[in-house]
């Protein structure tokens, strides 16, 4: 039986991820929140049948 010798490998340092820059987490949370709110508003507008222009109870159109 032949024994093969592999060169000893030094353990490679894993590069740790840097923490996000200042304000990036808050920006991400706020942008996700506004996207959810916008989707809810769109869904309610479609459900009401108003589409892009919603009607007020007195019959006036909102632009």
PDB file of N, CA and C in Angstrom:
ATOM      1  N   UNK A   1       0.820  -1.165   0.000  1.00  0.00           N
ATOM      2  CA  UNK A   1       0.000   0.000   0.000  1.00  0.00           C
ATOM      3  C   UNK A   1       0.875   1.243   0.000  1.00  0.00           C
ATOM      4  N   UNK A   2       0.491   2.153  -0.871  1.00  0.00           N
ATOM      5  CA  UNK A   2       1.236   3.400  -0.951  1.00  0.00           C
ATOM      6  C   UNK A   2       0.514   4.461  -0.119  1.00  0.00           C
ATOM      7  N   UNK A   3       1.295   5.135   0.676  1.00  0.00           N
ATOM      8  CA  UNK A   3       0.731   6.204   1.504  1.00  0.00           C
ATOM      9  C   UNK A   3       1.065   7.525   0.836  1.00  0.00           C
ATOM     10  N   UNK A   4       0.005   8.301   0.593  1.00  0.00           N
ATOM     11  CA  UNK A   4       0.246   9.612  -0.012  1.00  0.00           C
ATOM     12  C   UNK A   4       0.234  10.652   1.087  1.00  0.00           C
ATOM     13  N   UNK A   5       1.172  11.522   0.955  1.00  0.00           N
ATOM     14  CA  UNK A   5       1.260  12.595   1.947  1.00  0.00           C
ATOM     15  C   UNK A   5       0.805  13.897   1.311  1.00  0.00           C
ATOM     16  N   UNK A   6      -0.187  14.498   1.897  1.00  0.00           N
ATOM     17  CA  UNK A   6      -0.626  15.806   1.431  1.00  0.00           C
ATOM     18  C   UNK A   6       0.086  16.861   2.266  1.00  0.00           C
ATOM     19  N   UNK A   7       0.433  17.962   1.641  1.00  0.00           N
ATOM     20  CA  UNK A   7       1.092  19.002   2.428  1.00  0.00           C
ATOM     21  C   UNK A   7       0.140  19.513   3.529  1.00  0.00           C
ATOM     22  N   UNK A   8       0.717  19.795   4.657  1.00  0.00           N
ATOM     23  CA  UNK A   8      -0.095  20.279   5.777  1.00  0.00           C
ATOM     24  C   UNK A   8      -0.669  21.645   5.420  1.00  0.00           C
ATOM     25  N   UNK A   9      -1.934  21.775   5.588  1.00  0.00           N
ATOM     26  CA  UNK A   9      -2.586  23.042   5.281  1.00  0.00           C
ATOM     27  C   UNK A   9      -2.760  23.834   6.574  1.00  0.00           C
ATOM     28  N   UNK A  10      -2.407  25.085   6.484  1.00  0.00           N
ATOM     29  CA  UNK A  10      -2.624  25.920   7.652  1.00  0.00           C
ATOM     30  C   UNK A  10      -4.108  26.289   7.694  1.00  0.00           C
ATOM     31  N   UNK A  11      -4.652  26.330   8.867  1.00  0.00           N
ATOM     32  CA  UNK A  11      -6.080  26.681   8.931  1.00  0.00           C
ATOM     33  C   UNK A  11      -6.302  28.095   8.386  1.00  0.00           C
ATOM     34  N   UNK A  12      -7.232  28.179   7.447  1.00  0.00           N
ATOM     35  CA  UNK A  12      -7.512  29.478   6.842  1.00  0.00           C
ATOM     36  C   UNK A  12      -8.429  30.256   7.764  1.00  0.00           C
ATOM     37  N   UNK A  13      -8.109  31.527   7.887  1.00  0.00           N
ATOM     38  CA  UNK A  13      -8.963  32.372   8.708  1.00  0.00           C
ATOM     39  C   UNK A  13     -10.217  32.693   7.915  1.00  0.00           C
ATOM     40  N   UNK A  14     -11.342  32.471   8.534  1.00  0.00           N
ATOM     41  CA  UNK A  14     -12.592  32.823   7.888  1.00  0.00           C
ATOM     42  C   UNK A  14     -12.798  34.307   8.091  1.00  0.00           C
ATOM     43  N   UNK A  15     -13.117  34.962   7.010  1.00  0.00           N
ATOM     44  CA  UNK A  15     -13.350  36.393   7.106  1.00  0.00           C
ATOM     45  C   UNK A  15     -14.720  36.628   7.725  1.00  0.00           C
ATOM     46  N   UNK A  16     -14.723  37.278   8.845  1.00  0.00           N
ATOM     47  CA  UNK A  16     -15.980  37.610   9.489  1.00  0.00           C
ATOM     48  C   UNK A  16     -16.628  38.767   8.754  1.00  0.00           C
ATOM     49  N   UNK A  17     -17.932  38.773   8.761  1.00  0.00           N
ATOM     50  CA  UNK A  17     -18.637  39.865   8.097  1.00  0.00           C
ATOM     51  C   UNK A  17     -18.588  41.090   8.997  1.00  0.00           C
ATOM     52  N   UNK A  18     -18.379  42.217   8.383  1.00  0.00           N
ATOM     53  CA  UNK A  18     -18.379  43.458   9.134  1.00  0.00           C
ATOM     54  C   UNK A  18     -19.803  43.817   9.514  1.00  0.00           C
ATOM     55  N   UNK A  19     -19.971  44.493  10.625  1.00  0.00           N
ATOM     56  CA  UNK A  19     -21.332  44.914  10.979  1.00  0.00           C
ATOM     57  C   UNK A  19     -21.822  45.958   9.990  1.00  0.00           C
ATOM     58  N   UNK A  20     -23.131  46.081   9.836  1.00  0.00           N
ATOM     59  CA  UNK A  20     -23.658  47.057   8.882  1.00  0.00           C
ATOM     60  C   UNK A  20     -23.264  48.477   9.279  1.00  0.00           C
ATOM     61  N   UNK A  21     -23.183  49.331   8.267  1.00  0.00           N
ATOM     62  CA  UNK A  21     -22.850  50.725   8.540  1.00  0.00           C
ATOM     63  C   UNK A  21     -23.938  51.381   9.363  1.00  0.00           C
ATOM     64  N   UNK A  22     -23.597  52.473   9.948  1.00  0.00           N
ATOM     65  CA  UNK A  22     -24.519  53.196  10.830  1.00  0.00           C
ATOM     66  C   UNK A  22     -25.815  53.531  10.098  1.00  0.00           C
ATOM     67  N   UNK A  23     -26.929  53.123  10.666  1.00  0.00           N
ATOM     68  CA  UNK A  23     -28.228  53.457  10.111  1.00  0.00           C
ATOM     69  C   UNK A  23     -28.758  52.462   9.088  1.00  0.00           C
ATOM     70  N   UNK A  24     -27.972  51.488   8.673  1.00  0.00           N
ATOM     71  CA  UNK A  24     -28.414  50.556   7.638  1.00  0.00           C
ATOM     72  C   UNK A  24     -29.541  49.653   8.134  1.00  0.00           C
ATOM     73  N   UNK A  25     -29.488  49.227   9.387  1.00  0.00           N
ATOM     74  CA  UNK A  25     -30.531  48.353   9.916  1.00  0.00           C
ATOM     75  C   UNK A  25     -31.842  49.115  10.018  1.00  0.00           C
ATOM     76  N   UNK A  26     -31.764  50.344  10.543  1.00  0.00           N
ATOM     77  CA  UNK A  26     -32.968  51.168  10.673  1.00  0.00           C
ATOM     78  C   UNK A  26     -33.562  51.453   9.298  1.00  0.00           C
ATOM     79  N   UNK A  27     -32.712  51.749   8.330  1.00  0.00           N
ATOM     80  CA  UNK A  27     -33.174  52.029   6.965  1.00  0.00           C
ATOM     81  C   UNK A  27     -33.888  50.810   6.390  1.00  0.00           C
ATOM     82  N   UNK A  28     -33.324  49.639   6.610  1.00  0.00           N
ATOM     83  CA  UNK A  28     -33.918  48.405   6.095  1.00  0.00           C
ATOM     84  C   UNK A  28     -35.287  48.148   6.727  1.00  0.00           C
ATOM     85  N   UNK A  29     -35.388  48.328   8.040  1.00  0.00           N
ATOM     86  CA  UNK A  29     -36.651  48.085   8.738  1.00  0.00           C
ATOM     87  C   UNK A  29     -37.714  49.061   8.269  1.00  0.00           C
ATOM     88  N   UNK A  30     -37.360  50.338   8.161  1.00  0.00           N
ATOM     89  CA  UNK A  30     -38.330  51.354   7.757  1.00  0.00           C
ATOM     90  C   UNK A  30     -38.779  51.146   6.320  1.00  0.00           C
ATOM     91  N   UNK A  31     -37.848  50.807   5.421  1.00  0.00           N
ATOM     92  CA  UNK A  31     -38.250  50.606   4.023  1.00  0.00           C
ATOM     93  C   UNK A  31     -39.164  49.387   3.887  1.00  0.00           C
ATOM     94  N   UNK A  32     -38.901  48.324   4.635  1.00  0.00           N
ATOM     95  CA  UNK A  32     -39.782  47.151   4.599  1.00  0.00           C
ATOM     96  C   UNK A  32     -41.163  47.499   5.148  1.00  0.00           C
ATOM     97  N   UNK A  33     -41.198  48.307   6.214  1.00  0.00           N
ATOM     98  CA  UNK A  33     -42.468  48.722   6.798  1.00  0.00           C
ATOM     99  C   UNK A  33     -43.298  49.495   5.789  1.00  0.00           C
ATOM    100  N   UNK A  34     -42.674  50.459   5.088  1.00  0.00           N
ATOM    101  CA  UNK A  34     -43.411  51.257   4.118  1.00  0.00           C
ATOM    102  C   UNK A  34     -43.871  50.421   2.929  1.00  0.00           C
ATOM    103  N   UNK A  35     -43.100  49.420   2.541  1.00  0.00           N
ATOM    104  CA  UNK A  35     -43.535  48.539   1.455  1.00  0.00           C
ATOM    105  C   UNK A  35     -44.771  47.750   1.867  1.00  0.00           C
ATOM    106  N   UNK A  36     -44.796  47.275   3.109  1.00  0.00           N
ATOM    107  CA  UNK A  36     -45.949  46.523   3.597  1.00  0.00           C
ATOM    108  C   UNK A  36     -47.173  47.428   3.653  1.00  0.00           C
ATOM    109  N   UNK A  37     -46.996  48.650   4.169  1.00  0.00           N
ATOM    110  CA  UNK A  37     -48.118  49.586   4.252  1.00  0.00           C
ATOM    111  C   UNK A  37     -48.640  49.914   2.857  1.00  0.00           C
ATOM    112  N   UNK A  38     -47.737  50.140   1.897  1.00  0.00           N
ATOM    113  CA  UNK A  38     -48.158  50.450   0.529  1.00  0.00           C
ATOM    114  C   UNK A  38     -48.938  49.285  -0.074  1.00  0.00           C
ATOM    115  N   UNK A  39     -48.497  48.067   0.172  1.00  0.00           N
ATOM    116  CA  UNK A  39     -49.214  46.896  -0.352  1.00  0.00           C
ATOM    117  C   UNK A  39     -50.603  46.763   0.268  1.00  0.00           C
ATOM    118  N   UNK A  40     -50.718  47.065   1.558  1.00  0.00           N
ATOM    119  CA  UNK A  40     -52.020  46.994   2.216  1.00  0.00           C
ATOM    120  C   UNK A  40     -52.956  48.052   1.635  1.00  0.00           C
ATOM    121  N   UNK A  41     -52.446  49.265   1.430  1.00  0.00           N
ATOM    122  CA  UNK A  41     -53.269  50.335   0.860  1.00  0.00           C
ATOM    123  C   UNK A  41     -53.729  49.968  -0.544  1.00  0.00           C
ATOM    124  N   UNK A  42     -52.833  49.407  -1.343  1.00  0.00           N
ATOM    125  CA  UNK A  42     -53.209  48.986  -2.702  1.00  0.00           C
ATOM    126  C   UNK A  42     -54.274  47.901  -2.660  1.00  0.00           C
ATOM    127  N   UNK A  43     -54.113  46.940  -1.752  1.00  0.00           N
ATOM    128  CA  UNK A  43     -55.083  45.852  -1.647  1.00  0.00           C
ATOM    129  C   UNK A  43     -56.452  46.391  -1.229  1.00  0.00           C
ATOM    130  N   UNK A  44     -56.465  47.323  -0.292  1.00  0.00           N
ATOM    131  CA  UNK A  44     -57.742  47.901   0.128  1.00  0.00           C
ATOM    132  C   UNK A  44     -58.379  48.712  -0.997  1.00  0.00           C
ATOM    133  N   UNK A  45     -57.560  49.417  -1.774  1.00  0.00           N
ATOM    134  CA  UNK A  45     -58.099  50.200  -2.889  1.00  0.00           C
ATOM    135  C   UNK A  45     -58.703  49.276  -3.945  1.00  0.00           C
ATOM    136  N   UNK A  46     -58.057  48.153  -4.221  1.00  0.00           N
ATOM    137  CA  UNK A  46     -58.595  47.197  -5.186  1.00  0.00           C
ATOM    138  C   UNK A  46     -59.886  46.576  -4.668  1.00  0.00           C
ATOM    139  N   UNK A  47     -59.910  46.279  -3.359  1.00  0.00           N
ATOM    140  CA  UNK A  47     -61.089  45.667  -2.763  1.00  0.00           C
ATOM    141  C   UNK A  47     -62.281  46.618  -2.828  1.00  0.00           C
ATOM    142  N   UNK A  48     -62.029  47.886  -2.629  1.00  0.00           N
ATOM    143  CA  UNK A  48     -63.090  48.890  -2.673  1.00  0.00           C
ATOM    144  C   UNK A  48     -63.499  49.187  -4.109  1.00  0.00           C
ATOM    145  N   UNK A  49     -62.655  48.818  -5.068  1.00  0.00           N
ATOM    146  CA  UNK A  49     -62.976  49.070  -6.461  1.00  0.00           C
ATOM    147  C   UNK A  49     -62.581  50.455  -6.923  1.00  0.00           C
ATOM    148  N   UNK A  50     -61.812  51.171  -6.105  1.00  0.00           N
ATOM    149  CA  UNK A  50     -61.421  52.531  -6.451  1.00  0.00           C
ATOM    150  C   UNK A  50     -60.240  52.588  -7.393  1.00  0.00           C
ATOM    151  N   UNK A  51     -59.419  51.575  -7.406  1.00  0.00           N
ATOM    152  CA  UNK A  51     -58.232  51.611  -8.243  1.00  0.00           C
ATOM    153  C   UNK A  51     -57.291  52.702  -7.798  1.00  0.00           C
ATOM    154  N   UNK A  52     -56.776  53.481  -8.738  1.00  0.00           N
ATOM    155  CA  UNK A  52     -55.837  54.546  -8.412  1.00  0.00           C
ATOM    156  C   UNK A  52     -56.545  55.754  -7.825  1.00  0.00           C
ATOM    157  N   UNK A  53     -57.814  55.940  -8.144  1.00  0.00           N
ATOM    158  CA  UNK A  53     -58.554  57.086  -7.641  1.00  0.00           C
ATOM    159  C   UNK A  53     -59.650  56.592  -6.707  1.00  0.00           C
ATOM    160  N   UNK A  54     -59.542  56.964  -5.449  1.00  0.00           N
ATOM    161  CA  UNK A  54     -60.538  56.545  -4.467  1.00  0.00           C
ATOM    162  C   UNK A  54     -61.618  57.611  -4.351  1.00  0.00           C
ATOM    163  N   UNK A  55     -62.843  57.159  -4.107  1.00  0.00           N
ATOM    164  CA  UNK A  55     -63.955  58.099  -3.964  1.00  0.00           C
ATOM    165  C   UNK A  55     -64.201  58.361  -2.481  1.00  0.00           C
ATOM    166  N   UNK A  56     -64.508  59.604  -2.172  1.00  0.00           N
ATOM    167  CA  UNK A  56     -64.893  59.944  -0.819  1.00  0.00           C
ATOM    168  C   UNK A  56     -66.384  59.668  -0.667  1.00  0.00           C
ATOM    169  N   UNK A  57     -66.883  59.574   0.553  1.00  0.00           N
ATOM    170  CA  UNK A  57     -68.293  59.285   0.767  1.00  0.00           C
ATOM    171  C   UNK A  57     -69.228  60.318   0.127  1.00  0.00           C
ATOM    172  N   UNK A  58     -68.784  61.580  -0.014  1.00  0.00           N
ATOM    173  CA  UNK A  58     -69.653  62.584  -0.612  1.00  0.00           C
ATOM    174  C   UNK A  58     -69.631  62.567  -2.123  1.00  0.00           C
ATOM    175  N   UNK A  59     -68.893  61.636  -2.729  1.00  0.00           N
ATOM    176  CA  UNK A  59     -68.896  61.485  -4.183  1.00  0.00           C
ATOM    177  C   UNK A  59     -67.768  62.205  -4.898  1.00  0.00           C
ATOM    178  N   UNK A  60     -66.950  62.975  -4.174  1.00  0.00           N
ATOM    179  CA  UNK A  60     -65.832  63.670  -4.816  1.00  0.00           C
ATOM    180  C   UNK A  60     -64.687  62.686  -5.075  1.00  0.00           C
ATOM    181  N   UNK A  61     -63.973  62.934  -6.152  1.00  0.00           N
ATOM    182  CA  UNK A  61     -62.849  62.077  -6.498  1.00  0.00           C
ATOM    183  C   UNK A  61     -61.575  62.620  -5.876  1.00  0.00           C
ATOM    184  N   UNK A  62     -60.761  61.737  -5.340  1.00  0.00           N
ATOM    185  CA  UNK A  62     -59.434  62.107  -4.842  1.00  0.00           C
ATOM    186  C   UNK A  62     -58.420  61.853  -5.935  1.00  0.00           C
ATOM    187  N   UNK A  63     -57.513  62.776  -6.103  1.00  0.00           N
ATOM    188  CA  UNK A  63     -56.494  62.592  -7.141  1.00  0.00           C
ATOM    189  C   UNK A  63     -55.149  62.362  -6.502  1.00  0.00           C
TER     190      UNK A  63
END
